[in-house]
Amino acid sequence: MALISPVESSSVESQTEPQVKSDEAAATEPVKTGFVADTVAELRKVVWPSRQQLFGESVAVILMITISAFAIAAVDRFYGWGSSQVFR
């Protein structure tokens, strides 16, 4: 077990304590401007799809939704028919 000298522990504590700003500095800091600027900066990093990629992926999504809807409808009709045969 290693012992920490008082000098080492005080330097570790000073590194882990959060920095507290004065009330005046916090009141004058533009919080919303920073948020908007950060949002715009993040949106500039986005890789937007090309028209061809957007069209292809949209068609794929619509096709999968249509196939899923038909599959769910078929299962629903089958179970409806089955329950009508059982509960006559």
C-alpha atoms as a PDB file:
ATOM      1  CA  MET A   1       0.000   0.000   0.000  1.00  0.00           C
ATOM      2  CA  ALA A   2       1.560   3.288  -1.082  1.00  0.00           C
ATOM      3  CA  LEU A   3       1.237   6.402   1.010  1.00  0.00           C
ATOM      4  CA  ILE A   4       0.540   9.734  -0.607  1.00  0.00           C
ATOM      5  CA  SER A   5       2.421  12.697   0.717  1.00  0.00           C
ATOM      6  CA  PRO A   6       0.416  15.815   1.645  1.00  0.00           C
ATOM      7  CA  VAL A   7       1.932  17.699  -1.282  1.00  0.00           C
ATOM      8  CA  GLU A   8       0.743  15.079  -3.771  1.00  0.00           C
ATOM      9  CA  SER A   9      -2.770  14.863  -2.331  1.00  0.00           C
ATOM     10  CA  SER A  10      -3.258  18.631  -2.414  1.00  0.00           C
ATOM     11  CA  SER A  11      -2.195  18.776  -6.064  1.00  0.00           C
ATOM     12  CA  VAL A  12      -4.613  15.953  -6.916  1.00  0.00           C
ATOM     13  CA  GLU A  13      -7.443  17.673  -5.062  1.00  0.00           C
ATOM     14  CA  SER A  14      -6.828  20.957  -6.855  1.00  0.00           C
ATOM     15  CA  GLN A  15      -7.014  19.175 -10.206  1.00  0.00           C
ATOM     16  CA  THR A  16     -10.341  17.490  -9.461  1.00  0.00           C
ATOM     17  CA  GLU A  17     -12.173  20.484  -7.972  1.00  0.00           C
ATOM     18  CA  PRO A  18     -14.474  22.199 -10.485  1.00  0.00           C
ATOM     19  CA  GLN A  19     -13.699  25.774 -11.372  1.00  0.00           C
ATOM     20  CA  VAL A  20     -16.383  28.131 -10.023  1.00  0.00           C
ATOM     21  CA  LYS A  21     -16.978  31.324 -11.985  1.00  0.00           C
ATOM     22  CA  SER A  22     -17.912  34.539 -10.293  1.00  0.00           C
ATOM     23  CA  ASP A  23     -21.527  35.698 -10.499  1.00  0.00           C
ATOM     24  CA  GLU A  24     -20.549  38.654 -12.680  1.00  0.00           C
ATOM     25  CA  ALA A  25     -18.740  36.476 -15.223  1.00  0.00           C
ATOM     26  CA  ALA A  26     -21.636  34.017 -15.360  1.00  0.00           C
ATOM     27  CA  ALA A  27     -24.167  36.819 -15.867  1.00  0.00           C
ATOM     28  CA  THR A  28     -22.299  38.385 -18.800  1.00  0.00           C
ATOM     29  CA  GLU A  29     -21.502  35.100 -20.581  1.00  0.00           C
ATOM     30  CA  PRO A  30     -23.703  34.641 -23.697  1.00  0.00           C
ATOM     31  CA  VAL A  31     -25.083  31.154 -23.098  1.00  0.00           C
ATOM     32  CA  LYS A  32     -27.600  31.047 -25.963  1.00  0.00           C
ATOM     33  CA  THR A  33     -25.151  32.504 -28.461  1.00  0.00           C
ATOM     34  CA  GLY A  34     -22.696  29.767 -27.592  1.00  0.00           C
ATOM     35  CA  PHE A  35     -25.400  27.142 -27.979  1.00  0.00           C
ATOM     36  CA  VAL A  36     -26.464  28.448 -31.395  1.00  0.00           C
ATOM     37  CA  ALA A  37     -22.861  28.718 -32.570  1.00  0.00           C
ATOM     38  CA  ASP A  38     -22.119  25.187 -31.374  1.00  0.00           C
ATOM     39  CA  THR A  39     -25.262  23.890 -33.100  1.00  0.00           C
ATOM     40  CA  VAL A  40     -24.297  25.538 -36.392  1.00  0.00           C
ATOM     41  CA  ALA A  41     -20.766  24.140 -36.077  1.00  0.00           C
ATOM     42  CA  GLU A  42     -22.122  20.623 -35.523  1.00  0.00           C
ATOM     43  CA  LEU A  43     -24.523  20.933 -38.482  1.00  0.00           C
ATOM     44  CA  ARG A  44     -21.582  21.860 -40.712  1.00  0.00           C
ATOM     45  CA  LYS A  45     -19.922  18.560 -39.756  1.00  0.00           C
ATOM     46  CA  VAL A  46     -22.921  16.521 -40.958  1.00  0.00           C
ATOM     47  CA  VAL A  47     -22.411  14.612 -44.197  1.00  0.00           C
ATOM     48  CA  TRP A  48     -25.646  15.201 -46.079  1.00  0.00           C
ATOM     49  CA  PRO A  49     -26.785  12.541 -48.604  1.00  0.00           C
ATOM     50  CA  SER A  50     -26.875  13.211 -52.320  1.00  0.00           C
ATOM     51  CA  ARG A  51     -30.221  13.352 -54.139  1.00  0.00           C
ATOM     52  CA  GLN A  52     -29.628   9.909 -55.626  1.00  0.00           C
ATOM     53  CA  GLN A  53     -28.789   8.374 -52.236  1.00  0.00           C
ATOM     54  CA  LEU A  54     -31.767  10.101 -50.581  1.00  0.00           C
ATOM     55  CA  PHE A  55     -34.137   8.889 -53.304  1.00  0.00           C
ATOM     56  CA  GLY A  56     -32.814   5.313 -53.168  1.00  0.00           C
ATOM     57  CA  GLU A  57     -33.053   5.090 -49.395  1.00  0.00           C
ATOM     58  CA  SER A  58     -36.541   6.627 -49.391  1.00  0.00           C
ATOM     59  CA  VAL A  59     -37.723   4.055 -51.937  1.00  0.00           C
ATOM     60  CA  ALA A  60     -36.199   1.264 -49.832  1.00  0.00           C
ATOM     61  CA  VAL A  61     -37.978   2.499 -46.685  1.00  0.00           C
ATOM     62  CA  ILE A  62     -41.346   2.833 -48.445  1.00  0.00           C
ATOM     63  CA  LEU A  63     -40.927  -0.637 -49.982  1.00  0.00           C
ATOM     64  CA  MET A  64     -40.101  -2.240 -46.616  1.00  0.00           C
ATOM     65  CA  ILE A  65     -43.079  -0.521 -44.950  1.00  0.00           C
ATOM     66  CA  THR A  66     -45.387  -1.771 -47.715  1.00  0.00           C
ATOM     67  CA  ILE A  67     -44.079  -5.342 -47.465  1.00  0.00           C
ATOM     68  CA  SER A  68     -44.389  -5.250 -43.664  1.00  0.00           C
ATOM     69  CA  ALA A  69     -47.956  -3.926 -43.882  1.00  0.00           C
ATOM     70  CA  PHE A  70     -48.968  -6.710 -46.282  1.00  0.00           C
ATOM     71  CA  ALA A  71     -47.318  -9.347 -44.063  1.00  0.00           C
ATOM     72  CA  ILE A  72     -49.082  -8.047 -40.943  1.00  0.00           C
ATOM     73  CA  ALA A  73     -52.406  -7.875 -42.801  1.00  0.00           C
ATOM     74  CA  ALA A  74     -51.964 -11.465 -44.047  1.00  0.00           C
ATOM     75  CA  VAL A  75     -51.212 -12.765 -40.550  1.00  0.00           C
ATOM     76  CA  ASP A  76     -54.172 -10.803 -39.157  1.00  0.00           C
ATOM     77  CA  ARG A  77     -56.556 -12.215 -41.763  1.00  0.00           C
ATOM     78  CA  PHE A  78     -55.237 -15.740 -41.183  1.00  0.00           C
ATOM     79  CA  TYR A  79     -55.770 -15.536 -37.427  1.00  0.00           C
ATOM     80  CA  GLY A  80     -59.169 -13.902 -37.986  1.00  0.00           C
ATOM     81  CA  TRP A  81     -60.183 -16.740 -40.300  1.00  0.00           C
ATOM     82  CA  GLY A  82     -58.806 -19.323 -37.845  1.00  0.00           C
ATOM     83  CA  SER A  83     -60.670 -17.865 -34.884  1.00  0.00           C
ATOM     84  CA  SER A  84     -63.906 -17.705 -36.902  1.00  0.00           C
ATOM     85  CA  GLN A  85     -63.523 -21.427 -37.680  1.00  0.00           C
ATOM     86  CA  VAL A  86     -62.918 -22.307 -34.029  1.00  0.00           C
ATOM     87  CA  PHE A  87     -65.610 -20.100 -32.464  1.00  0.00           C
ATOM     88  CA  ARG A  88     -68.563 -20.826 -34.773  1.00  0.00           C
END
